Amino acid sequence: MTTVAQETIGERIELLRRRRGLSRQTLASLVGHSSEWLRQVERKGRQVDRLSTLLRLAEVLQVKDVAAFMGVAVPGRRVDEPTVGAAPDIRAALLGHRAAVRAGGHRPSDIDRLASEVTEAWTCWRQSARRWSAARTSLPGLLERVCGPHIDRADPEALRLSAETHRLAATYLHSSGDLSLALLATDRALAEARLASAPLTEAACLQGFGDVLLRLQAPAEAREMCVRAADALEPCDGSPDCVTTAARVRLYLTAAEAAAFARDHHGAERLLDRAAMLVQDAQDMTSAPDPVPPGTTAPARPVDVAVHRVRVEVVLGRSGKALRLAEHVDSVDALDREGRARFYLTLTRAHLHQRNQPGAVLALMQADRASPEEVRFNVYAQHLLKQAIGQDSVTVRHDLYRLAERAGLL
């Protein structure tokens, strides 16, 4: 008896087609090919050269074991890996669907513990290989503790921690594609930061707000808001100047990206140059000592501006220039996991614009190494992966298939 491993792909297609009761003409039309093409695949050993076509065949034929169908050996998924999908606990906590555990605000010891947990949550998001899983685990409880009767509205530190928690939730939701909920979380974070009179946290919230507005196709509003906030931000008591400078730099970088979205390349260049000058002026400053707001500890560096220059060129559609600039970006390894993953996803987009699928797949693999859960939870990484599948070539099919399997797209 012929085993699945011994069968050709054409023989497997024909067997499954007959089991489904489909004619050759019907199946061929469903996958965008002629019946003669399908006949040659089934009977003449013709290769299916595009992964996207194989995936469409598997979908139409209702194949459960796609790996066996394609004849590709894929390592089994670890049982401890999180499942793909939305995070209902985060949504429920943010929308107030959880019952209050107790009334009253946090005691001083509670605030200290909460501050430690919020800082740890941000550190995991920036640095952990399982940052998405960590956020999915920690955010529901943190949101529950800072919402409603769980927070002392008269305590500025409690309000600041609430702002930082909502900002992390907004960052997670934005990257996972839930823009409406990200907007809600960002709005709450900004309101809490203003009540706490925490200008650095407020600046970080505004920068995140700008990112969400960009995805909502509102670049003019994002640019105006970020530039106004950066221009107005002054050194804060108790925080070193490099922290304030870093906040201003990030606001200008987001504004530059907004200018690029609006096709204003001169404006984008001016804002990038403004950020670069601030970084240059701050080169003699040391890293910020504790305590500082979670997520704002790192001073701005030249590499931060360099990777944004690449991103701006990609947004402007100048992918060739973006890739040339990327060749000269130093210290990519100095970026945190989130930064490295975002940089390599930017390179993926540039390679796809150039229709260089091997380059795109290599960049996706680098993003996956930087942040192993990225292709599974980041909606933009999945979008790029789908585009890469559409540009399929035989040379990188197995690598692309493994990424698609990790992303849960198969």
Protein backbone atom coordinates (compact mmCIF):
# COMPACT_ATOMS: atom_id res chain seq x y z
CA MET A 1 0.00 0.00 0.00
CA THR A 2 1.32 3.48 -0.88
CA THR A 3 1.94 5.64 2.19
CA VAL A 4 1.42 9.38 2.38
CA ALA A 5 5.19 9.89 2.43
CA GLN A 6 5.57 7.84 -0.78
CA GLU A 7 2.80 9.59 -2.67
CA THR A 8 3.57 12.55 -4.88
CA ILE A 9 1.79 15.81 -4.19
CA GLY A 10 -0.20 15.28 -7.38
CA GLU A 11 -1.38 11.86 -6.24
CA ARG A 12 -2.46 13.29 -2.89
CA ILE A 13 -4.36 16.07 -4.63
CA GLU A 14 -6.17 13.67 -6.93
CA LEU A 15 -7.09 11.32 -4.09
CA LEU A 16 -8.44 14.12 -1.93
CA ARG A 17 -10.25 15.70 -4.87
CA ARG A 18 -12.08 12.46 -5.61
CA ARG A 19 -12.97 12.00 -1.95
CA ARG A 20 -14.49 15.48 -1.96
CA GLY A 21 -16.45 14.69 -5.13
CA LEU A 22 -14.92 17.56 -7.06
CA SER A 23 -14.28 17.51 -10.77
CA ARG A 24 -10.85 18.51 -12.03
CA GLN A 25 -12.35 21.59 -13.68
CA THR A 26 -14.09 22.67 -10.47
CA LEU A 27 -11.02 22.31 -8.27
CA ALA A 28 -8.81 24.03 -10.83
CA SER A 29 -11.15 27.01 -11.07
CA LEU A 30 -11.32 27.31 -7.28
CA VAL A 31 -7.55 27.72 -7.09
CA GLY A 32 -7.26 29.96 -10.15
CA HIS A 33 -5.82 27.49 -12.66
CA SER A 34 -6.92 25.53 -15.72
CA SER A 35 -8.03 21.92 -15.67
CA GLU A 36 -5.07 21.09 -17.91
CA TRP A 37 -2.69 22.52 -15.33
CA LEU A 38 -4.31 20.37 -12.63
CA ARG A 39 -4.18 17.30 -14.87
CA GLN A 40 -0.46 17.77 -15.32
CA VAL A 41 0.01 18.16 -11.56
CA GLU A 42 -1.98 15.01 -10.82
CA ARG A 43 -0.75 12.77 -13.63
CA LYS A 44 2.48 14.22 -15.04
CA GLY A 45 4.28 15.09 -11.85
CA ARG A 46 4.20 18.85 -12.52
CA GLN A 47 5.35 20.81 -9.49
CA VAL A 48 3.11 23.33 -7.72
CA ASP A 49 5.55 26.19 -7.66
CA ARG A 50 3.71 28.56 -5.34
CA LEU A 51 3.12 27.98 -1.66
CA SER A 52 0.00 30.15 -1.84
CA THR A 53 -1.47 27.72 -4.41
CA LEU A 54 -0.66 24.73 -2.21
CA LEU A 55 -2.31 26.42 0.76
CA ARG A 56 -5.38 27.22 -1.33
CA LEU A 57 -5.57 23.59 -2.50
CA ALA A 58 -5.33 22.43 1.11
CA GLU A 59 -8.10 24.84 2.09
CA VAL A 60 -10.47 23.79 -0.70
CA LEU A 61 -9.77 20.09 -0.08
CA GLN A 62 -10.31 20.63 3.66
CA VAL A 63 -6.95 19.12 4.59
CA LYS A 64 -6.43 18.78 8.32
CA ASP A 65 -2.76 17.78 8.30
CA VAL A 66 -1.31 20.41 5.99
CA ALA A 67 2.27 19.33 6.71
CA ALA A 68 1.62 15.76 5.56
CA PHE A 69 -0.28 17.04 2.52
CA MET A 70 2.68 19.18 1.45
CA GLY A 71 5.26 16.58 2.37
CA VAL A 72 7.07 18.95 4.71
CA ALA A 73 8.36 17.83 8.09
CA VAL A 74 7.49 20.45 10.67
CA PRO A 75 8.58 20.19 14.33
CA GLY A 76 5.67 19.58 16.65
CA ARG A 77 4.32 22.51 18.61
CA ARG A 78 5.27 22.59 22.28
CA VAL A 79 2.36 22.03 24.61
CA ASP A 80 3.33 25.06 26.71
CA GLU A 81 3.04 27.51 23.81
CA PRO A 82 0.04 29.87 24.02
CA THR A 83 -2.78 29.46 21.59
CA VAL A 84 -3.43 31.95 18.83
CA GLY A 85 -6.33 34.34 19.15
CA ALA A 86 -7.67 37.31 21.03
CA ALA A 87 -7.00 37.91 24.72
CA PRO A 88 -10.52 37.96 26.22
CA ASP A 89 -9.23 38.45 29.77
CA ILE A 90 -7.53 41.71 28.78
CA ARG A 91 -10.68 42.89 27.02
CA ALA A 92 -12.85 41.94 29.99
CA ALA A 93 -10.58 43.67 32.50
CA LEU A 94 -10.33 46.82 30.39
CA LEU A 95 -14.07 47.01 29.84
CA GLY A 96 -14.78 46.42 33.53
CA HIS A 97 -16.42 43.02 33.15
CA ARG A 98 -14.67 41.67 36.22
CA ALA A 99 -16.21 42.14 39.62
CA ALA A 100 -14.32 44.26 42.15
CA VAL A 101 -12.40 42.16 44.66
CA ARG A 102 -12.47 44.77 47.38
CA ALA A 103 -13.34 48.40 47.85
CA GLY A 104 -10.95 51.17 48.79
CA GLY A 105 -7.59 52.28 47.47
CA HIS A 106 -4.24 50.60 47.71
CA ARG A 107 -2.34 50.71 50.98
CA PRO A 108 1.28 51.97 50.79
CA SER A 109 2.60 48.40 50.73
CA ASP A 110 0.18 47.63 47.90
CA ILE A 111 1.50 50.58 45.91
CA ASP A 112 5.07 49.39 46.29
CA ARG A 113 4.11 45.90 45.14
CA LEU A 114 2.05 47.29 42.27
CA ALA A 115 4.94 49.51 41.16
CA SER A 116 7.25 46.50 41.11
CA GLU A 117 4.78 44.43 39.10
CA VAL A 118 4.12 47.20 36.55
CA THR A 119 7.86 47.70 36.10
CA GLU A 120 8.33 43.94 35.66
CA ALA A 121 5.50 43.82 33.12
CA TRP A 122 7.13 46.56 31.04
CA THR A 123 10.54 44.91 31.33
CA CYS A 124 9.11 41.62 30.08
CA TRP A 125 7.41 43.39 27.18
CA ARG A 126 10.67 44.99 26.13
CA GLN A 127 13.10 42.16 26.84
CA SER A 128 11.46 38.75 27.27
CA ALA A 129 11.51 36.13 24.52
CA ARG A 130 7.94 35.33 25.57
CA ARG A 131 6.85 38.92 25.94
CA TRP A 132 3.43 38.36 24.37
CA SER A 133 2.63 35.47 26.71
CA ALA A 134 3.88 37.47 29.68
CA ALA A 135 1.66 40.43 28.78
CA ARG A 136 -1.37 38.19 28.25
CA THR A 137 -0.76 36.73 31.70
CA SER A 138 -0.02 39.88 33.67
CA LEU A 139 -2.26 42.53 32.11
CA PRO A 140 -5.71 41.24 33.22
CA GLY A 141 -4.71 41.23 36.89
CA LEU A 142 -2.93 44.57 36.67
CA LEU A 143 -5.87 46.20 34.92
CA GLU A 144 -8.26 44.82 37.49
CA ARG A 145 -6.16 46.27 40.32
CA VAL A 146 -5.89 49.78 38.85
CA CYS A 147 -9.51 50.12 37.74
CA GLY A 148 -12.52 51.32 39.69
CA PRO A 149 -12.45 51.04 43.49
CA HIS A 150 -9.04 49.36 43.43
CA ILE A 151 -7.19 52.65 43.04
CA ASP A 152 -6.90 55.63 45.36
CA ARG A 153 -7.85 58.54 43.12
CA ALA A 154 -6.11 60.95 45.48
CA ASP A 155 -2.71 59.23 45.19
CA PRO A 156 -0.64 60.56 42.25
CA GLU A 157 1.61 57.48 42.25
CA ALA A 158 -1.37 55.14 42.05
CA LEU A 159 -2.72 57.19 39.14
CA ARG A 160 0.66 57.10 37.37
CA LEU A 161 0.83 53.32 37.75
CA SER A 162 -2.69 53.09 36.36
CA ALA A 163 -1.57 55.17 33.38
CA GLU A 164 1.45 52.92 32.79
CA THR A 165 -0.70 49.79 33.03
CA HIS A 166 -3.22 51.14 30.53
CA ARG A 167 -0.37 52.26 28.27
CA LEU A 168 1.04 48.74 28.21
CA ALA A 169 -2.43 47.38 27.45
CA ALA A 170 -2.75 49.87 24.60
CA THR A 171 0.64 48.85 23.21
CA TYR A 172 -0.32 45.17 23.31
CA LEU A 173 -3.76 45.77 21.76
CA HIS A 174 -2.35 48.03 19.04
CA SER A 175 0.20 45.40 17.99
CA SER A 176 -2.39 42.62 18.09
CA GLY A 177 -4.71 44.62 15.82
CA ASP A 178 -7.51 45.62 18.21
CA LEU A 179 -7.34 49.32 17.41
CA SER A 180 -10.66 50.35 18.94
CA LEU A 181 -9.73 48.85 22.29
CA ALA A 182 -6.19 50.23 21.98
CA LEU A 183 -7.67 53.68 21.52
CA LEU A 184 -9.78 53.24 24.65
CA ALA A 185 -6.78 52.08 26.69
CA THR A 186 -4.63 54.95 25.39
CA ASP A 187 -7.29 57.51 26.24
CA ARG A 188 -7.53 56.16 29.80
CA ALA A 189 -3.77 56.11 30.17
CA LEU A 190 -3.52 59.72 29.07
CA ALA A 191 -6.30 60.83 31.42
CA GLU A 192 -4.67 59.07 34.40
CA ALA A 193 -1.23 60.54 33.58
CA ARG A 194 -2.69 64.05 33.50
CA LEU A 195 -4.50 63.52 36.81
CA ALA A 196 -1.22 62.29 38.29
CA SER A 197 0.66 65.37 36.98
CA ALA A 198 3.26 62.99 35.50
CA PRO A 199 4.56 64.76 32.37
CA LEU A 200 6.98 62.00 31.31
CA THR A 201 4.28 59.37 31.53
CA GLU A 202 1.93 61.73 29.71
CA ALA A 203 4.52 62.17 26.93
CA ALA A 204 4.88 58.39 26.60
CA CYS A 205 1.08 58.06 26.42
CA LEU A 206 0.90 60.73 23.71
CA GLN A 207 3.55 58.94 21.68
CA GLY A 208 1.52 55.71 21.94
CA PHE A 209 -1.61 57.67 21.06
CA GLY A 210 0.19 58.88 17.94
CA ASP A 211 1.00 55.30 16.93
CA VAL A 212 -2.66 54.31 17.22
CA LEU A 213 -3.77 57.38 15.24
CA LEU A 214 -1.40 56.39 12.43
CA ARG A 215 -3.05 52.99 12.15
CA LEU A 216 -6.43 54.75 12.16
CA GLN A 217 -5.35 56.79 9.12
CA ALA A 218 -5.07 60.07 11.00
CA PRO A 219 -1.45 61.13 10.36
CA ALA A 220 -2.10 64.90 10.51
CA GLU A 221 -3.60 64.63 13.99
CA ALA A 222 -0.81 62.32 15.15
CA ARG A 223 1.90 64.66 13.86
CA GLU A 224 0.40 67.81 15.37
CA MET A 225 -0.15 66.17 18.75
CA CYS A 226 3.37 64.70 18.99
CA VAL A 227 5.17 67.83 17.83
CA ARG A 228 3.20 70.03 20.21
CA ALA A 229 3.94 67.67 23.11
CA ALA A 230 7.65 67.44 22.27
CA ASP A 231 8.03 71.20 21.93
CA ALA A 232 6.31 71.80 25.27
CA LEU A 233 8.07 69.12 27.33
CA GLU A 234 10.40 70.58 29.96
CA PRO A 235 12.89 68.83 32.29
CA CYS A 236 11.06 67.32 35.24
CA ASP A 237 12.02 67.56 38.88
CA GLY A 238 13.55 64.32 40.09
CA SER A 239 14.34 63.02 36.61
CA PRO A 240 17.61 63.49 34.71
CA ASP A 241 17.62 65.53 31.54
CA CYS A 242 18.36 62.45 29.39
CA VAL A 243 14.95 60.98 30.30
CA THR A 244 13.17 64.13 29.16
CA THR A 245 15.32 64.20 26.02
CA ALA A 246 14.44 60.58 25.26
CA ALA A 247 10.73 61.36 25.59
CA ARG A 248 11.06 64.31 23.19
CA VAL A 249 13.06 62.25 20.70
CA ARG A 250 10.43 59.51 20.61
CA LEU A 251 7.68 62.05 20.07
CA TYR A 252 9.57 63.63 17.17
CA LEU A 253 10.23 60.19 15.66
CA THR A 254 6.54 59.32 15.76
CA ALA A 255 5.76 62.72 14.24
CA ALA A 256 8.28 61.99 11.46
CA GLU A 257 6.53 58.73 10.69
CA ALA A 258 3.21 60.61 10.63
CA ALA A 259 4.66 63.10 8.14
CA ALA A 260 5.75 60.18 5.97
CA PHE A 261 2.24 58.71 6.09
CA ALA A 262 0.99 62.10 4.85
CA ARG A 263 3.58 61.94 2.01
CA ASP A 264 5.46 64.96 3.38
CA HIS A 265 9.00 63.69 2.96
CA HIS A 266 10.58 67.10 3.65
CA GLY A 267 8.65 67.39 6.91
CA ALA A 268 9.65 63.86 7.87
CA GLU A 269 13.32 64.64 7.23
CA ARG A 270 13.15 67.80 9.32
CA LEU A 271 11.63 65.95 12.25
CA LEU A 272 14.19 63.15 11.99
CA ASP A 273 16.97 65.72 11.96
CA ARG A 274 15.48 67.42 15.02
CA ALA A 275 15.47 64.11 16.86
CA ALA A 276 19.04 63.38 15.75
CA MET A 277 20.24 66.75 17.06
CA LEU A 278 18.67 66.07 20.45
CA VAL A 279 20.39 62.69 20.61
CA GLN A 280 23.70 64.23 19.64
CA ASP A 281 23.36 66.92 22.31
CA ALA A 282 22.58 64.25 24.92
CA GLN A 283 25.48 61.92 24.10
CA ASP A 284 27.38 62.91 27.24
CA MET A 285 24.41 62.08 29.50
CA THR A 286 24.38 58.85 31.48
CA SER A 287 21.48 56.40 31.65
CA ALA A 288 18.66 57.37 33.98
CA PRO A 289 18.90 56.18 37.59
CA ASP A 290 15.98 54.70 39.47
CA PRO A 291 13.27 55.61 40.12
CA VAL A 292 11.92 56.47 36.69
CA PRO A 293 8.59 55.70 35.03
CA PRO A 294 8.35 52.11 33.74
CA GLY A 295 9.20 51.82 30.08
CA THR A 296 11.09 55.14 29.92
CA THR A 297 14.46 54.16 31.40
CA ALA A 298 16.54 53.97 28.21
CA PRO A 299 18.06 57.19 26.91
CA ALA A 300 17.69 57.93 23.22
CA ARG A 301 20.54 56.70 21.03
CA PRO A 302 21.65 57.22 17.43
CA VAL A 303 20.39 53.75 16.55
CA ASP A 304 16.85 54.80 17.51
CA VAL A 305 16.94 57.58 14.94
CA ALA A 306 18.64 55.34 12.36
CA VAL A 307 15.96 52.65 12.45
CA HIS A 308 13.26 55.30 12.18
CA ARG A 309 14.95 56.74 9.10
CA VAL A 310 14.63 53.30 7.52
CA ARG A 311 10.96 53.07 8.55
CA VAL A 312 10.18 56.52 7.15
CA GLU A 313 11.68 55.59 3.78
CA VAL A 314 9.58 52.43 3.68
CA VAL A 315 6.42 54.39 4.51
CA LEU A 316 7.29 56.82 1.71
CA GLY A 317 7.58 53.88 -0.70
CA ARG A 318 11.33 54.32 -1.20
CA SER A 319 12.22 50.75 -0.29
CA GLY A 320 15.52 50.74 -2.16
CA LYS A 321 16.80 53.70 -0.16
CA ALA A 322 15.44 52.11 3.03
CA LEU A 323 17.45 48.95 2.44
CA ARG A 324 20.59 50.95 1.67
CA LEU A 325 20.16 52.89 4.92
CA ALA A 326 19.57 49.65 6.81
CA GLU A 327 22.97 48.35 5.73
CA HIS A 328 24.57 51.16 7.76
CA VAL A 329 22.49 50.85 10.91
CA ASP A 330 24.90 50.09 13.73
CA SER A 331 24.16 48.48 17.08
CA VAL A 332 20.91 46.75 16.11
CA ASP A 333 21.67 44.19 18.82
CA ALA A 334 21.63 47.04 21.34
CA LEU A 335 17.90 47.46 20.73
CA ASP A 336 15.52 45.58 22.99
CA ARG A 337 13.53 42.64 21.62
CA GLU A 338 10.59 44.83 20.71
CA GLY A 339 12.86 47.25 18.84
CA ARG A 340 14.74 44.51 16.97
CA ALA A 341 11.54 42.76 15.96
CA ARG A 342 10.06 46.01 14.68
CA PHE A 343 13.22 46.83 12.73
CA TYR A 344 13.29 43.44 11.00
CA LEU A 345 9.57 43.70 10.19
CA THR A 346 10.35 47.04 8.56
CA LEU A 347 13.03 45.33 6.47
CA THR A 348 10.51 42.62 5.57
CA ARG A 349 8.17 45.26 4.24
CA ALA A 350 10.98 46.86 2.22
CA HIS A 351 11.98 43.54 0.65
CA LEU A 352 8.36 42.79 -0.21
CA HIS A 353 8.11 46.15 -1.97
CA GLN A 354 11.14 45.07 -3.99
CA ARG A 355 9.51 41.67 -4.64
CA ASN A 356 12.54 40.07 -3.05
CA GLN A 357 10.85 37.18 -1.31
CA PRO A 358 14.02 35.45 -0.06
CA GLY A 359 15.11 38.74 1.53
CA ALA A 360 11.66 39.18 3.08
CA VAL A 361 11.69 35.66 4.51
CA LEU A 362 15.18 36.16 5.93
CA ALA A 363 14.04 39.39 7.62
CA LEU A 364 10.97 37.61 9.00
CA MET A 365 13.19 34.88 10.39
CA GLN A 366 15.37 37.53 12.04
CA ALA A 367 12.26 39.09 13.59
CA ASP A 368 11.23 35.64 14.79
CA ARG A 369 14.64 35.09 16.38
CA ALA A 370 14.50 38.49 18.05
CA SER A 371 11.00 37.88 19.40
CA PRO A 372 9.93 34.23 18.96
CA GLU A 373 6.22 34.93 19.49
CA GLU A 374 6.04 37.87 17.07
CA VAL A 375 4.61 36.08 14.03
CA ARG A 376 1.98 34.42 16.21
CA PHE A 377 0.54 37.48 17.93
CA ASN A 378 1.61 40.61 16.02
CA VAL A 379 -1.08 41.27 13.41
CA TYR A 380 1.32 43.30 11.27
CA ALA A 381 3.86 40.46 11.25
CA GLN A 382 1.11 38.10 10.13
CA HIS A 383 0.08 40.52 7.39
CA LEU A 384 3.65 40.63 6.09
CA LEU A 385 3.89 36.85 6.29
CA LYS A 386 0.75 36.51 4.17
CA GLN A 387 2.25 38.90 1.63
CA ALA A 388 5.40 36.80 1.54
CA ILE A 389 3.33 33.68 0.92
CA GLY A 390 1.77 35.47 -2.04
CA GLN A 391 5.26 36.00 -3.49
CA ASP A 392 6.22 32.37 -2.94
CA SER A 393 9.38 30.88 -4.43
CA VAL A 394 10.65 27.33 -4.15
CA THR A 395 13.99 28.36 -2.62
CA VAL A 396 12.49 29.54 0.69
CA ARG A 397 9.28 27.51 0.79
CA HIS A 398 10.20 25.35 3.78
CA ASP A 399 11.33 28.33 5.86
CA LEU A 400 8.19 30.23 4.91
CA TYR A 401 6.00 27.26 5.73
CA ARG A 402 7.55 26.92 9.18
CA LEU A 403 6.89 30.59 9.87
CA ALA A 404 3.28 30.22 8.69
CA GLU A 405 2.86 27.20 10.92
CA ARG A 406 4.25 29.09 13.92
CA ALA A 407 1.88 31.97 13.16
CA GLY A 408 -1.10 29.62 13.13
CA LEU A 409 -1.96 30.52 9.55
CA LEU A 410 -2.19 26.87 8.47
